[in-house]
């Protein structure tokens, strides 16, 4: 069973291309500051960013460049004591 992604608002550093690197994102009125981009990769229809925020929380953000839409596709709490999400 796959959950629907959650649409979010993202502020990015804009380098040579628009929305190059996410810096913070908003879930409702709550701002989440990104401390580190752990990984990034391209897929045929999306760009993905695995990021770390405060409390060692891990988020997987997906950017649909055609629709200009950002989605939160995965969250792992920094309080989780199991293995961290693998980049492989």
Protein backbone atom coordinates (compact mmCIF):
# COMPACT_ATOMS: atom_id res chain seq x y z
CA UNK A 1 0.00 0.00 0.00
CA UNK A 2 1.43 3.36 -1.02
CA UNK A 3 0.52 6.57 0.77
CA UNK A 4 -0.20 9.69 -1.23
CA UNK A 5 2.61 12.26 -1.07
CA UNK A 6 2.08 15.37 1.00
CA UNK A 7 2.35 18.71 -0.89
CA UNK A 8 4.70 21.19 0.78
CA UNK A 9 6.13 24.65 0.12
CA UNK A 10 9.91 24.74 -0.35
CA UNK A 11 12.41 27.61 -0.35
CA UNK A 12 15.52 26.88 -2.40
CA UNK A 13 18.92 28.21 -3.22
CA UNK A 14 18.66 29.06 -6.89
CA UNK A 15 21.99 28.56 -8.64
CA UNK A 16 22.34 28.18 -12.38
CA UNK A 17 18.94 26.46 -12.49
CA UNK A 18 15.69 27.27 -10.69
CA UNK A 19 15.04 25.51 -7.38
CA UNK A 20 18.51 23.99 -7.34
CA UNK A 21 18.85 23.05 -3.65
CA UNK A 22 16.16 23.11 -0.93
CA UNK A 23 17.04 25.20 2.16
CA UNK A 24 13.78 25.05 4.16
CA UNK A 25 10.27 23.80 3.69
CA UNK A 26 6.89 24.45 5.22
CA UNK A 27 4.26 22.00 6.40
CA UNK A 28 1.32 24.31 7.00
CA UNK A 29 2.70 27.20 9.05
CA UNK A 30 5.62 25.16 10.46
CA UNK A 31 9.01 25.96 8.90
CA UNK A 32 11.59 23.17 8.83
CA UNK A 33 15.19 24.27 8.31
CA UNK A 34 17.33 21.88 6.28
CA UNK A 35 20.71 21.34 7.89
CA UNK A 36 22.16 18.98 5.30
CA UNK A 37 21.39 17.57 1.88
CA UNK A 38 22.41 13.94 2.38
CA UNK A 39 21.74 12.76 -1.16
CA UNK A 40 20.07 13.84 -4.39
CA UNK A 41 19.16 12.02 -7.56
CA UNK A 42 17.23 12.38 -10.79
CA UNK A 43 14.41 10.17 -11.97
CA UNK A 44 12.66 10.44 -15.34
CA UNK A 45 9.88 12.69 -14.00
CA UNK A 46 11.19 13.96 -10.65
CA UNK A 47 14.20 15.22 -8.72
CA UNK A 48 14.68 13.78 -5.22
CA UNK A 49 16.44 15.22 -2.18
CA UNK A 50 17.18 13.28 0.99
CA UNK A 51 17.70 15.90 3.71
CA UNK A 52 18.42 16.12 7.43
CA UNK A 53 16.70 18.69 9.62
CA UNK A 54 16.70 19.54 13.33
CA UNK A 55 16.49 16.67 15.77
CA UNK A 56 18.30 14.49 13.23
CA UNK A 57 15.01 13.98 11.35
CA UNK A 58 15.30 12.66 7.77
CA UNK A 59 12.96 13.77 4.98
CA UNK A 60 12.68 12.68 1.37
CA UNK A 61 11.50 15.55 -0.84
CA UNK A 62 10.35 15.08 -4.42
CA UNK A 63 10.22 17.90 -6.97
CA UNK A 64 8.01 17.63 -10.04
CA UNK A 65 9.64 20.20 -12.32
CA UNK A 66 6.86 20.11 -14.94
CA UNK A 67 4.07 20.75 -12.42
CA UNK A 68 6.30 22.99 -10.23
CA UNK A 69 5.19 20.97 -7.20
CA UNK A 70 7.14 19.74 -4.17
CA UNK A 71 6.04 16.70 -2.17
CA UNK A 72 7.14 15.08 1.06
CA UNK A 73 7.33 11.38 0.27
CA UNK A 74 9.02 10.01 3.39
CA UNK A 75 9.85 10.99 6.96
CA UNK A 76 12.00 9.28 9.59
CA UNK A 77 12.17 10.72 13.08
CA UNK A 78 15.61 11.34 14.54
CA UNK A 79 14.29 9.57 17.66
CA UNK A 80 14.02 6.30 15.71
CA UNK A 81 16.57 3.88 17.12
CA UNK A 82 16.72 1.50 14.14
CA UNK A 83 18.99 1.75 11.12
CA UNK A 84 18.84 5.10 9.32
CA UNK A 85 17.35 5.20 5.86
CA UNK A 86 19.87 3.95 3.34
CA UNK A 87 20.80 5.97 0.27
CA UNK A 88 21.33 2.78 -1.71
